[in-house]
Amino acid sequence: MTNEMTVKLAHGAVMPRIGLGTWPMDDAQAAVSVVQAVEAGYRLFDTAENYGNERGVGQGMRDCGVPREDLFVTTKFNARWHGRDLVRRAFDASAERLGVDYVDMLLIHWPNPEQDRYVDAWKGMIALLDEGRLRAVGVSNFKPAHLERLRVETGVLPDVNQVQLSPRIARKLPRAYHAEHGIVTQSWSPLGQGRELLAEPVIGEIAAAYGRSPAQIVLRWHLQLGLTAVPKSADPQRMRDNLAVFDFALTEEEMERISSLDQGERAAVDSDLVGH
């Protein structure tokens, strides 16, 4: 099922569907984990200004022995850079910390609607995309109402919206908007937070039937919904396991049983109230 492993984004970049999340690694951990992840087959790495580990991720990219053009790095900037010209400063700082000439995808980390400058930030990102400094432009934690403002006021929608998403927080409304407008959904905390989700009996039962780990079953659920995901792990074996989900398929009934764990939008972090 190798055709499942990547997705072509709206602005032309090709992105792996499963990447390595790096929060809350520090620089030293991130540098080691990126090298280990490359050895396991990963090519997508997700970091952020707020994670404080961009230098480590960049070091790992240089140490891994794979050409830069074969790697896909995503980073994100904070609310202080929400402005058309400020975004360029945020990009320059992240690129310097990563040690790269271009960033594959830059995300607005949170909409921070009380500040009401995310549309200005989006205009700055479009300019960087046009200049070739970015291969893709995206957002994180945006609701459909935030995305609609970008569409109406700029005519350009994100390649990706990265949102909190797992079987317990299935985000049906955002996913429907994304599907309608050609936006790729990327799941953060795709395995839930803590071990509660992976201990759900229905997931354990399906995992046992396939001889797979609960995490592999959950990641397969993401893939079959057409999602992408950035699970975090610093353990080389878990990294390999998280990527080994392209050689089996869940039945429609199994997908529905997993989806029935959804607790609705109320279970998600409210990005109208939270952000940085």
Protein backbone atom coordinates (compact mmCIF):
# COMPACT_ATOMS: atom_id res chain seq x y z
CA MET A 1 0.00 0.00 0.00
CA THR A 2 2.87 2.37 -0.74
CA ASN A 3 0.51 4.83 -2.47
CA GLU A 4 -0.98 5.50 0.97
CA MET A 5 2.28 6.73 2.44
CA THR A 6 2.24 10.26 1.01
CA VAL A 7 -0.28 12.92 0.07
CA LYS A 8 0.02 15.69 -2.51
CA LEU A 9 -0.88 19.06 -1.00
CA ALA A 10 -2.86 21.80 -2.69
CA HIS A 11 0.21 23.91 -3.50
CA GLY A 12 2.09 20.95 -4.98
CA ALA A 13 4.31 19.63 -2.18
CA VAL A 14 4.26 15.91 -1.40
CA MET A 15 4.04 15.17 2.34
CA PRO A 16 4.44 11.85 4.18
CA ARG A 17 1.20 10.87 5.91
CA ILE A 18 2.90 9.83 9.15
CA GLY A 19 5.64 11.93 10.70
CA LEU A 20 7.49 12.27 13.97
CA GLY A 21 6.10 14.68 16.53
CA THR A 22 8.83 16.21 18.70
CA TRP A 23 6.99 17.87 21.62
CA PRO A 24 8.21 17.87 24.43
CA MET A 25 11.75 16.83 23.40
CA ASP A 26 14.65 19.18 24.08
CA ASP A 27 17.35 19.89 21.50
CA ALA A 28 19.55 16.95 22.50
CA GLN A 29 16.67 14.46 22.49
CA ALA A 30 15.32 15.80 19.20
CA ALA A 31 18.70 15.50 17.45
CA VAL A 32 19.01 11.84 18.44
CA SER A 33 15.36 11.02 17.75
CA VAL A 34 15.40 12.49 14.24
CA VAL A 35 18.38 10.32 13.31
CA GLN A 36 16.70 7.24 14.79
CA ALA A 37 13.45 8.09 13.03
CA VAL A 38 15.17 8.45 9.65
CA GLU A 39 16.71 5.02 10.18
CA ALA A 40 13.18 3.71 10.87
CA GLY A 41 11.90 5.25 7.61
CA TYR A 42 10.47 8.61 8.67
CA ARG A 43 10.88 11.63 6.42
CA LEU A 44 8.46 14.12 8.07
CA PHE A 45 9.41 15.97 11.26
CA ASP A 46 7.12 18.28 13.17
CA THR A 47 8.52 21.02 15.42
CA ALA A 48 7.62 24.56 16.50
CA GLU A 49 9.08 27.75 17.86
CA ASN A 50 7.26 27.01 21.12
CA TYR A 51 8.76 23.51 21.44
CA GLY A 52 12.22 24.99 21.89
CA ASN A 53 13.82 22.16 19.89
CA GLU A 54 14.19 23.49 16.34
CA ARG A 55 18.00 23.50 16.64
CA GLY A 56 17.92 19.86 17.68
CA VAL A 57 15.62 18.87 14.84
CA GLY A 58 17.89 20.68 12.38
CA GLN A 59 20.95 18.96 13.82
CA GLY A 60 19.28 15.58 13.42
CA MET A 61 18.41 16.40 9.81
CA ARG A 62 22.07 17.18 9.10
CA ASP A 63 23.33 14.11 10.97
CA CYS A 64 20.94 11.57 9.46
CA GLY A 65 22.75 11.13 6.14
CA VAL A 66 19.64 11.73 3.99
CA PRO A 67 19.66 14.67 1.53
CA ARG A 68 17.75 17.74 2.70
CA GLU A 69 15.40 17.58 -0.28
CA ASP A 70 14.23 14.11 0.81
CA LEU A 71 13.13 15.39 4.23
CA PHE A 72 9.98 17.35 5.07
CA VAL A 73 10.13 19.65 8.09
CA THR A 74 7.17 21.52 9.55
CA THR A 75 7.47 24.31 12.10
CA LYS A 76 5.07 26.79 13.66
CA PHE A 77 5.22 30.35 15.01
CA ASN A 78 3.62 32.06 17.98
CA ALA A 79 1.11 34.89 18.38
CA ARG A 80 3.74 37.64 18.66
CA TRP A 81 4.50 37.16 14.94
CA HIS A 82 0.92 37.59 13.71
CA GLY A 83 1.53 40.28 11.12
CA ARG A 84 2.37 40.34 7.43
CA ASP A 85 5.96 41.53 7.96
CA LEU A 86 6.37 39.88 11.36
CA VAL A 87 5.87 36.45 9.77
CA ARG A 88 9.03 36.96 7.72
CA ARG A 89 10.97 37.56 10.92
CA ALA A 90 9.47 34.43 12.46
CA PHE A 91 10.38 32.42 9.37
CA ASP A 92 13.94 33.76 9.30
CA ALA A 93 14.43 32.90 12.97
CA SER A 94 13.07 29.38 12.58
CA ALA A 95 15.09 28.76 9.41
CA GLU A 96 18.23 29.91 11.22
CA ARG A 97 17.55 27.63 14.19
CA LEU A 98 16.82 24.70 11.89
CA GLY A 99 19.82 25.51 9.70
CA VAL A 100 17.81 25.39 6.46
CA ASP A 101 17.32 27.65 3.43
CA TYR A 102 13.65 26.80 3.09
CA VAL A 103 10.97 25.27 5.30
CA ASP A 104 8.72 22.63 3.80
CA MET A 105 5.67 23.82 5.71
CA LEU A 106 5.10 26.72 8.10
CA LEU A 107 2.02 26.80 10.33
CA ILE A 108 0.29 29.50 12.34
CA HIS A 109 0.37 27.61 15.67
CA TRP A 110 -2.90 29.01 17.10
CA PRO A 111 -5.44 31.48 15.67
CA ASN A 112 -5.51 33.66 18.82
CA PRO A 113 -8.75 35.31 17.63
CA GLU A 114 -8.78 37.81 20.50
CA GLN A 115 -5.67 39.31 18.91
CA ASP A 116 -7.38 39.23 15.48
CA ARG A 117 -4.22 39.28 13.40
CA TYR A 118 -4.14 35.77 11.96
CA VAL A 119 -5.36 36.96 8.55
CA ASP A 120 -2.44 39.39 8.38
CA ALA A 121 -0.10 36.56 9.32
CA TRP A 122 -1.64 34.43 6.59
CA LYS A 123 -0.94 37.12 3.99
CA GLY A 124 2.71 37.11 5.05
CA MET A 125 2.88 33.35 4.64
CA ILE A 126 1.41 33.54 1.13
CA ALA A 127 4.20 35.97 0.21
CA LEU A 128 6.85 33.53 1.51
CA LEU A 129 5.23 30.72 -0.47
CA ASP A 130 5.31 32.85 -3.64
CA GLU A 131 9.02 33.51 -3.05
CA GLY A 132 9.80 29.79 -2.73
CA ARG A 133 10.88 30.03 0.90
CA LEU A 134 8.05 27.64 1.81
CA ARG A 135 6.77 24.60 -0.07
CA ALA A 136 3.46 24.56 1.77
CA VAL A 137 1.48 26.83 4.07
CA GLY A 138 -0.76 25.68 6.86
CA VAL A 139 -2.42 26.40 10.14
CA SER A 140 -2.90 24.60 13.43
CA ASN A 141 -5.93 24.52 15.72
CA PHE A 142 -8.09 26.57 13.34
CA LYS A 143 -11.86 26.12 13.44
CA PRO A 144 -13.95 26.22 10.23
CA ALA A 145 -14.92 29.83 11.05
CA HIS A 146 -11.23 30.83 11.16
CA LEU A 147 -10.54 29.01 7.90
CA GLU A 148 -13.52 30.68 6.24
CA ARG A 149 -12.10 34.10 7.08
CA LEU A 150 -8.84 33.16 5.36
CA ARG A 151 -10.79 32.02 2.30
CA VAL A 152 -12.99 35.10 2.09
CA GLU A 153 -10.30 37.67 2.84
CA THR A 154 -7.36 36.21 0.86
CA GLY A 155 -8.76 33.62 -1.54
CA VAL A 156 -6.07 31.18 -0.39
CA LEU A 157 -6.72 28.23 1.92
CA PRO A 158 -4.11 26.21 3.85
CA ASP A 159 -2.55 23.04 2.55
CA VAL A 160 -2.95 21.54 6.02
CA ASN A 161 -4.80 22.21 9.26
CA GLN A 162 -3.17 20.41 12.19
CA VAL A 163 -5.71 19.77 14.92
CA GLN A 164 -6.12 17.73 18.09
CA LEU A 165 -7.67 14.53 16.77
CA SER A 166 -8.04 10.94 17.96
CA PRO A 167 -10.90 8.42 18.17
CA ARG A 168 -12.09 10.18 21.34
CA ILE A 169 -11.87 13.62 19.68
CA ALA A 170 -12.78 12.81 16.08
CA ARG A 171 -13.41 16.41 14.90
CA LYS A 172 -16.17 15.63 12.41
CA LEU A 173 -17.06 19.28 11.72
CA PRO A 174 -13.50 20.45 10.93
CA ARG A 175 -12.86 17.32 8.87
CA ALA A 176 -15.97 17.99 6.79
CA TYR A 177 -14.85 21.57 6.07
CA HIS A 178 -11.35 20.37 5.19
CA ALA A 179 -12.70 17.71 2.83
CA GLU A 180 -14.95 20.22 1.07
CA HIS A 181 -12.10 22.69 0.53
CA GLY A 182 -9.14 20.42 -0.26
CA ILE A 183 -7.35 20.93 3.07
CA VAL A 184 -5.40 17.97 4.46
CA THR A 185 -6.22 17.16 8.08
CA GLN A 186 -3.20 16.41 10.27
CA SER A 187 -3.75 14.96 13.74
CA TRP A 188 -1.76 16.04 16.77
CA SER A 189 -1.99 13.76 19.80
CA PRO A 190 -3.30 11.10 17.38
CA LEU A 191 -2.95 8.42 20.08
CA GLY A 192 -4.68 10.51 22.73
CA GLN A 193 -2.98 11.97 25.77
CA GLY A 194 -1.74 9.52 28.37
CA ARG A 195 -2.54 5.84 27.87
CA GLU A 196 -6.33 5.96 28.37
CA LEU A 197 -7.30 5.75 24.71
CA LEU A 198 -4.95 2.86 24.01
CA ALA A 199 -6.47 0.99 26.97
CA GLU A 200 -9.99 1.15 25.51
CA PRO A 201 -11.37 -2.42 25.29
CA VAL A 202 -12.59 -2.06 21.71
CA ILE A 203 -9.14 -1.01 20.53
CA GLY A 204 -7.47 -3.81 22.51
CA GLU A 205 -9.86 -6.36 21.05
CA ILE A 206 -9.19 -5.28 17.46
CA ALA A 207 -5.44 -5.12 18.13
CA ALA A 208 -5.46 -8.71 19.41
CA ALA A 209 -7.37 -9.89 16.34
CA TYR A 210 -4.72 -8.44 14.02
CA GLY A 211 -1.68 -9.20 16.16
CA ARG A 212 -0.96 -5.46 16.28
CA SER A 213 -0.41 -2.91 19.04
CA PRO A 214 -3.29 -0.64 20.11
CA ALA A 215 -1.29 2.33 18.76
CA GLN A 216 -1.04 0.69 15.33
CA ILE A 217 -4.81 0.14 15.27
CA VAL A 218 -5.46 3.80 16.13
CA LEU A 219 -3.00 5.07 13.51
CA ARG A 220 -4.59 2.77 10.92
CA TRP A 221 -7.95 4.36 11.81
CA HIS A 222 -6.45 7.79 11.06
CA LEU A 223 -5.11 6.64 7.70
CA GLN A 224 -8.38 5.07 6.58
CA LEU A 225 -10.20 8.30 7.38
CA GLY A 226 -7.82 10.04 4.97
CA LEU A 227 -5.91 11.80 7.74
CA THR A 228 -2.22 12.37 8.37
CA ALA A 229 -0.64 12.17 11.81
CA VAL A 230 2.47 13.14 13.79
CA PRO A 231 2.72 10.76 16.77
CA LYS A 232 5.54 11.56 19.18
CA SER A 233 7.92 8.86 20.33
CA ALA A 234 11.52 8.86 21.46
CA ASP A 235 11.62 5.05 21.54
CA PRO A 236 13.10 3.51 18.35
CA GLN A 237 10.89 0.41 18.49
CA ARG A 238 7.72 2.46 18.94
CA MET A 239 8.84 4.68 16.07
CA ARG A 240 9.09 1.62 13.84
CA ASP A 241 5.75 0.29 15.05
CA ASN A 242 4.01 3.63 14.42
CA LEU A 243 5.20 3.59 10.82
CA ALA A 244 4.31 -0.08 10.22
CA VAL A 245 0.63 0.55 9.53
CA PHE A 246 0.49 0.46 5.74
CA ASP A 247 0.25 -3.32 5.29
CA PHE A 248 -3.18 -4.11 6.75
CA ALA A 249 -6.69 -2.65 6.71
CA LEU A 250 -9.54 -2.42 9.20
CA THR A 251 -13.06 -3.39 8.21
CA GLU A 252 -15.82 -0.82 7.95
CA GLU A 253 -17.40 -2.26 11.09
CA GLU A 254 -14.12 -1.98 13.01
CA MET A 255 -13.71 1.61 11.85
CA GLU A 256 -17.23 2.41 13.09
CA ARG A 257 -16.58 0.76 16.46
CA ILE A 258 -13.46 2.87 16.94
CA SER A 259 -15.25 6.03 15.76
CA SER A 260 -18.01 5.40 18.32
CA LEU A 261 -15.52 6.44 21.03
CA ASP A 262 -15.89 10.08 19.90
CA GLN A 263 -16.82 12.48 22.70
CA GLY A 264 -17.52 15.39 20.37
CA GLU A 265 -16.06 18.86 19.94
CA ARG A 266 -16.45 19.66 23.64
CA ALA A 267 -13.58 17.26 24.38
CA ALA A 268 -11.13 19.25 22.26
CA VAL A 269 -9.05 22.23 23.37
CA ASP A 270 -11.05 25.35 22.47
CA SER A 271 -8.82 27.44 20.20
CA ASP A 272 -11.05 30.47 20.64
CA LEU A 273 -9.92 30.50 24.28
CA VAL A 274 -6.46 28.87 24.25
CA GLY A 275 -3.33 29.76 22.30
CA HIS A 276 0.13 31.28 22.35
